[in-house]
C-alpha atoms as a PDB file:
ATOM      1  CA  UNK A   1      21.259  85.619 145.340  1.00  0.00           C
ATOM      2  CA  UNK A   2      19.334  83.185 142.953  1.00  0.00           C
ATOM      3  CA  UNK A   3      20.772  79.515 143.085  1.00  0.00           C
ATOM      4  CA  UNK A   4      20.879  77.510 140.230  1.00  0.00           C
ATOM      5  CA  UNK A   5      20.451  73.969 141.218  1.00  0.00           C
ATOM      6  CA  UNK A   6      23.997  72.044 139.483  1.00  0.00           C
ATOM      7  CA  UNK A   7      21.969  70.843 136.515  1.00  0.00           C
ATOM      8  CA  UNK A   8      21.038  70.765 132.511  1.00  0.00           C
ATOM      9  CA  UNK A   9      19.854  74.462 132.987  1.00  0.00           C
ATOM     10  CA  UNK A  10      22.202  75.911 135.178  1.00  0.00           C
ATOM     11  CA  UNK A  11      25.547  74.719 133.677  1.00  0.00           C
ATOM     12  CA  UNK A  12      23.811  75.510 130.120  1.00  0.00           C
ATOM     13  CA  UNK A  13      23.251  79.330 131.975  1.00  0.00           C
ATOM     14  CA  UNK A  14      26.763  79.153 132.602  1.00  0.00           C
ATOM     15  CA  UNK A  15      28.646  78.244 129.213  1.00  0.00           C
ATOM     16  CA  UNK A  16      26.340  80.861 127.731  1.00  0.00           C
ATOM     17  CA  UNK A  17      27.663  83.517 130.197  1.00  0.00           C
ATOM     18  CA  UNK A  18      31.094  82.414 129.663  1.00  0.00           C
ATOM     19  CA  UNK A  19      31.149  82.257 126.030  1.00  0.00           C
ATOM     20  CA  UNK A  20      29.405  85.437 125.732  1.00  0.00           C
ATOM     21  CA  UNK A  21      31.801  86.865 128.176  1.00  0.00           C
ATOM     22  CA  UNK A  22      34.986  85.929 126.356  1.00  0.00           C
ATOM     23  CA  UNK A  23      32.972  87.932 122.724  1.00  0.00           C
ATOM     24  CA  UNK A  24      32.431  91.279 124.265  1.00  0.00           C
ATOM     25  CA  UNK A  25      36.702  90.789 125.178  1.00  0.00           C
ATOM     26  CA  UNK A  26      37.882  90.101 122.282  1.00  0.00           C
ATOM     27  CA  UNK A  27      35.327  92.572 120.209  1.00  0.00           C
ATOM     28  CA  UNK A  28      36.020  94.836 122.985  1.00  0.00           C
ATOM     29  CA  UNK A  29      40.086  94.754 122.533  1.00  0.00           C
ATOM     30  CA  UNK A  30      39.757  95.255 118.304  1.00  0.00           C
ATOM     31  CA  UNK A  31      43.093  95.452 116.704  1.00  0.00           C
ATOM     32  CA  UNK A  32      44.920  98.107 117.440  1.00  0.00           C
ATOM     33  CA  UNK A  33      46.102  98.501 113.730  1.00  0.00           C
ATOM     34  CA  UNK A  34      42.651  99.308 113.288  1.00  0.00           C
ATOM     35  CA  UNK A  35      41.628 103.228 112.316  1.00  0.00           C
ATOM     36  CA  UNK A  36      37.963 104.600 111.971  1.00  0.00           C
ATOM     37  CA  UNK A  37      38.120 106.081 109.048  1.00  0.00           C
ATOM     38  CA  UNK A  38      36.474 109.721 109.278  1.00  0.00           C
ATOM     39  CA  UNK A  39      32.574 110.460 107.582  1.00  0.00           C
ATOM     40  CA  UNK A  40      33.178 106.538 106.130  1.00  0.00           C
ATOM     41  CA  UNK A  41      29.441 105.905 105.328  1.00  0.00           C
ATOM     42  CA  UNK A  42      26.863 106.835 106.887  1.00  0.00           C
ATOM     43  CA  UNK A  43      25.721 106.930 111.193  1.00  0.00           C
ATOM     44  CA  UNK A  44      26.679 104.291 112.860  1.00  0.00           C
ATOM     45  CA  UNK A  45      28.944 102.278 109.722  1.00  0.00           C
ATOM     46  CA  UNK A  46      32.228 103.000 111.636  1.00  0.00           C
ATOM     47  CA  UNK A  47      34.663 100.950 108.540  1.00  0.00           C
ATOM     48  CA  UNK A  48      38.273 100.494 109.562  1.00  0.00           C
ATOM     49  CA  UNK A  49      41.360 100.993 107.684  1.00  0.00           C
ATOM     50  CA  UNK A  50      45.275 100.587 107.813  1.00  0.00           C
ATOM     51  CA  UNK A  51      45.789 103.892 106.570  1.00  0.00           C
ATOM     52  CA  UNK A  52      49.905 105.441 106.767  1.00  0.00           C
ATOM     53  CA  UNK A  53      50.795 107.281 109.885  1.00  0.00           C
ATOM     54  CA  UNK A  54      51.485 110.764 109.135  1.00  0.00           C
ATOM     55  CA  UNK A  55      55.479 111.253 107.312  1.00  0.00           C
ATOM     56  CA  UNK A  56      57.523 112.849 110.435  1.00  0.00           C
ATOM     57  CA  UNK A  57      58.971 115.288 107.515  1.00  0.00           C
ATOM     58  CA  UNK A  58      55.769 116.782 107.124  1.00  0.00           C
ATOM     59  CA  UNK A  59      55.075 119.715 109.850  1.00  0.00           C
ATOM     60  CA  UNK A  60      51.862 120.218 111.518  1.00  0.00           C
ATOM     61  CA  UNK A  61      52.384 123.054 112.929  1.00  0.00           C
ATOM     62  CA  UNK A  62      54.254 126.709 111.872  1.00  0.00           C
ATOM     63  CA  UNK A  63      56.779 127.776 113.841  1.00  0.00           C
ATOM     64  CA  UNK A  64      56.313 130.065 117.071  1.00  0.00           C
ATOM     65  CA  UNK A  65      55.069 133.595 116.545  1.00  0.00           C
ATOM     66  CA  UNK A  66      54.643 133.301 113.061  1.00  0.00           C
ATOM     67  CA  UNK A  67      51.094 134.933 112.166  1.00  0.00           C
ATOM     68  CA  UNK A  68      49.607 132.797 109.772  1.00  0.00           C
ATOM     69  CA  UNK A  69      49.636 130.634 112.874  1.00  0.00           C
ATOM     70  CA  UNK A  70      44.941 130.762 113.501  1.00  0.00           C
ATOM     71  CA  UNK A  71      45.519 128.804 116.640  1.00  0.00           C
ATOM     72  CA  UNK A  72      48.349 131.943 118.000  1.00  0.00           C
ATOM     73  CA  UNK A  73      46.898 134.468 120.987  1.00  0.00           C
ATOM     74  CA  UNK A  74      48.939 136.831 122.449  1.00  0.00           C
ATOM     75  CA  UNK A  75      48.800 137.173 126.114  1.00  0.00           C
ATOM     76  CA  UNK A  76      47.417 140.088 128.236  1.00  0.00           C
ATOM     77  CA  UNK A  77      49.608 140.012 131.359  1.00  0.00           C
ATOM     78  CA  UNK A  78      48.012 142.008 134.296  1.00  0.00           C
ATOM     79  CA  UNK A  79      50.099 144.425 135.666  1.00  0.00           C
ATOM     80  CA  UNK A  80      49.959 144.144 139.698  1.00  0.00           C
ATOM     81  CA  UNK A  81      52.445 145.149 142.980  1.00  0.00           C
ATOM     82  CA  UNK A  82      52.785 143.529 145.621  1.00  0.00           C
ATOM     83  CA  UNK A  83      49.658 143.987 148.572  1.00  0.00           C
ATOM     84  CA  UNK A  84      50.955 143.265 152.112  1.00  0.00           C
ATOM     85  CA  UNK A  85      48.744 140.683 154.553  1.00  0.00           C
ATOM     86  CA  UNK A  86      48.617 137.921 152.664  1.00  0.00           C
ATOM     87  CA  UNK A  87      48.095 134.593 154.391  1.00  0.00           C
ATOM     88  CA  UNK A  88      49.887 131.459 153.362  1.00  0.00           C
ATOM     89  CA  UNK A  89      53.049 133.133 151.780  1.00  0.00           C
ATOM     90  CA  UNK A  90      54.834 130.349 149.531  1.00  0.00           C
ATOM     91  CA  UNK A  91      58.147 131.153 147.031  1.00  0.00           C
ATOM     92  CA  UNK A  92      56.558 130.774 143.244  1.00  0.00           C
ATOM     93  CA  UNK A  93      58.494 129.869 140.279  1.00  0.00           C
ATOM     94  CA  UNK A  94      58.032 132.456 137.785  1.00  0.00           C
ATOM     95  CA  UNK A  95      58.694 132.767 133.564  1.00  0.00           C
ATOM     96  CA  UNK A  96      61.730 132.324 132.072  1.00  0.00           C
ATOM     97  CA  UNK A  97      60.784 135.359 129.829  1.00  0.00           C
ATOM     98  CA  UNK A  98      62.152 138.214 132.639  1.00  0.00           C
ATOM     99  CA  UNK A  99      63.270 140.983 130.719  1.00  0.00           C
ATOM    100  CA  UNK A 100      65.447 144.380 131.116  1.00  0.00           C
ATOM    101  CA  UNK A 101      63.442 147.369 130.842  1.00  0.00           C
ATOM    102  CA  UNK A 102      65.444 149.429 131.060  1.00  0.00           C
ATOM    103  CA  UNK A 103      68.720 149.174 132.746  1.00  0.00           C
ATOM    104  CA  UNK A 104      67.438 149.138 136.398  1.00  0.00           C
ATOM    105  CA  UNK A 105      64.326 147.818 135.519  1.00  0.00           C
ATOM    106  CA  UNK A 106      63.348 143.993 135.221  1.00  0.00           C
ATOM    107  CA  UNK A 107      59.544 142.709 134.254  1.00  0.00           C
ATOM    108  CA  UNK A 108      58.874 139.509 135.857  1.00  0.00           C
ATOM    109  CA  UNK A 109      55.951 137.825 134.390  1.00  0.00           C
ATOM    110  CA  UNK A 110      54.072 134.627 135.606  1.00  0.00           C
ATOM    111  CA  UNK A 111      51.075 132.913 135.609  1.00  0.00           C
ATOM    112  CA  UNK A 112      48.846 132.115 139.492  1.00  0.00           C
ATOM    113  CA  UNK A 113      45.365 132.141 140.324  1.00  0.00           C
ATOM    114  CA  UNK A 114      43.041 134.710 140.969  1.00  0.00           C
ATOM    115  CA  UNK A 115      41.762 136.779 143.564  1.00  0.00           C
ATOM    116  CA  UNK A 116      41.342 136.589 146.314  1.00  0.00           C
ATOM    117  CA  UNK A 117      42.833 132.466 146.625  1.00  0.00           C
ATOM    118  CA  UNK A 118      45.829 133.904 144.397  1.00  0.00           C
ATOM    119  CA  UNK A 119      48.103 137.279 145.236  1.00  0.00           C
ATOM    120  CA  UNK A 120      51.594 138.662 144.947  1.00  0.00           C
ATOM    121  CA  UNK A 121      52.188 139.573 148.092  1.00  0.00           C
ATOM    122  CA  UNK A 122      55.950 141.008 148.366  1.00  0.00           C
ATOM    123  CA  UNK A 123      59.083 140.717 145.861  1.00  0.00           C
ATOM    124  CA  UNK A 124      62.834 140.084 147.083  1.00  0.00           C
ATOM    125  CA  UNK A 125      66.232 140.941 145.299  1.00  0.00           C
ATOM    126  CA  UNK A 126      68.936 140.222 145.938  1.00  0.00           C
ATOM    127  CA  UNK A 127      72.063 141.283 143.276  1.00  0.00           C
ATOM    128  CA  UNK A 128      75.658 139.747 143.768  1.00  0.00           C
ATOM    129  CA  UNK A 129      78.098 140.948 140.736  1.00  0.00           C
ATOM    130  CA  UNK A 130      77.196 138.071 138.428  1.00  0.00           C
ATOM    131  CA  UNK A 131      73.149 136.997 139.463  1.00  0.00           C
ATOM    132  CA  UNK A 132      70.001 138.665 140.344  1.00  0.00           C
ATOM    133  CA  UNK A 133      68.341 136.339 141.774  1.00  0.00           C
ATOM    134  CA  UNK A 134      65.058 137.487 142.361  1.00  0.00           C
ATOM    135  CA  UNK A 135      62.302 135.378 144.638  1.00  0.00           C
ATOM    136  CA  UNK A 136      57.928 136.705 144.020  1.00  0.00           C
ATOM    137  CA  UNK A 137      56.071 135.281 146.859  1.00  0.00           C
ATOM    138  CA  UNK A 138      52.223 134.505 146.641  1.00  0.00           C
ATOM    139  CA  UNK A 139      49.591 133.856 149.031  1.00  0.00           C
ATOM    140  CA  UNK A 140      45.939 134.394 149.025  1.00  0.00           C
ATOM    141  CA  UNK A 141      44.002 136.899 151.341  1.00  0.00           C
ATOM    142  CA  UNK A 142      43.043 136.708 154.283  1.00  0.00           C
ATOM    143  CA  UNK A 143      39.155 136.488 153.597  1.00  0.00           C
ATOM    144  CA  UNK A 144      39.870 132.924 151.985  1.00  0.00           C
ATOM    145  CA  UNK A 145      40.619 131.849 155.613  1.00  0.00           C
ATOM    146  CA  UNK A 146      37.608 133.001 157.477  1.00  0.00           C
ATOM    147  CA  UNK A 147      34.855 130.810 155.672  1.00  0.00           C
ATOM    148  CA  UNK A 148      33.848 129.036 152.438  1.00  0.00           C
ATOM    149  CA  UNK A 149      35.221 130.996 149.526  1.00  0.00           C
ATOM    150  CA  UNK A 150      35.386 129.266 145.987  1.00  0.00           C
ATOM    151  CA  UNK A 151      38.320 128.816 144.547  1.00  0.00           C
ATOM    152  CA  UNK A 152      38.613 128.362 141.045  1.00  0.00           C
ATOM    153  CA  UNK A 153      41.300 126.893 139.724  1.00  0.00           C
ATOM    154  CA  UNK A 154      42.382 129.210 136.110  1.00  0.00           C
ATOM    155  CA  UNK A 155      45.112 130.272 135.374  1.00  0.00           C
ATOM    156  CA  UNK A 156      46.283 134.323 135.077  1.00  0.00           C
ATOM    157  CA  UNK A 157      48.979 136.077 133.600  1.00  0.00           C
ATOM    158  CA  UNK A 158      50.408 138.851 135.617  1.00  0.00           C
ATOM    159  CA  UNK A 159      53.958 140.904 135.574  1.00  0.00           C
ATOM    160  CA  UNK A 160      55.965 143.143 138.613  1.00  0.00           C
ATOM    161  CA  UNK A 161      58.040 145.378 137.194  1.00  0.00           C
ATOM    162  CA  UNK A 162      61.396 144.789 139.970  1.00  0.00           C
ATOM    163  CA  UNK A 163      63.833 147.553 140.526  1.00  0.00           C
ATOM    164  CA  UNK A 164      67.341 147.406 140.780  1.00  0.00           C
ATOM    165  CA  UNK A 165      69.981 148.584 142.498  1.00  0.00           C
ATOM    166  CA  UNK A 166      72.605 148.608 139.685  1.00  0.00           C
ATOM    167  CA  UNK A 167      72.181 148.156 135.871  1.00  0.00           C
ATOM    168  CA  UNK A 168      71.344 144.672 134.980  1.00  0.00           C
ATOM    169  CA  UNK A 169      74.530 144.368 132.555  1.00  0.00           C
ATOM    170  CA  UNK A 170      75.344 140.604 131.566  1.00  0.00           C
ATOM    171  CA  UNK A 171      74.126 139.615 134.911  1.00  0.00           C
ATOM    172  CA  UNK A 172      72.099 136.393 134.907  1.00  0.00           C
ATOM    173  CA  UNK A 173      68.413 135.945 136.168  1.00  0.00           C
ATOM    174  CA  UNK A 174      67.911 133.371 138.626  1.00  0.00           C
ATOM    175  CA  UNK A 175      64.693 132.516 139.812  1.00  0.00           C
ATOM    176  CA  UNK A 176      65.131 132.288 143.658  1.00  0.00           C
ATOM    177  CA  UNK A 177      61.346 129.670 143.636  1.00  0.00           C
ATOM    178  CA  UNK A 178      63.124 126.937 141.492  1.00  0.00           C
END
């Protein structure tokens, strides 16, 4: 560390550093109301404007499922069946889009990871006169615990068919993991 004696030169350097530091803080903070105008001038010539905020009455997107929305996509769900012998089983929530395929079959959709780090281990169903409680149990394949395995964090869409003992009727479908 270089020590600057308490001389006129040392004090001058400290004063210049203090002024430059304060100027940086004021410039970096800027004006909260300032907006950068896109495409204004040449590269490096950013001008600010106090343009009005978009009106709440102006729609910014289309309704879900509207075919004119170029951002809407159809999700392809992969049909799966439970796998025996998984490790680290835990209850996992499913989408609220559980549907009755026919009177005695439910289609449960859920989001998870990818194999071997994620798989459906079992599906428990408890039926009463008023409710159908479905609990999905997910885990990982045993090889994940045996050594270094790269488990990427990416979402995959799955669905599983669940057979009921009696027709669903007007019973409520309940997620047993929630």
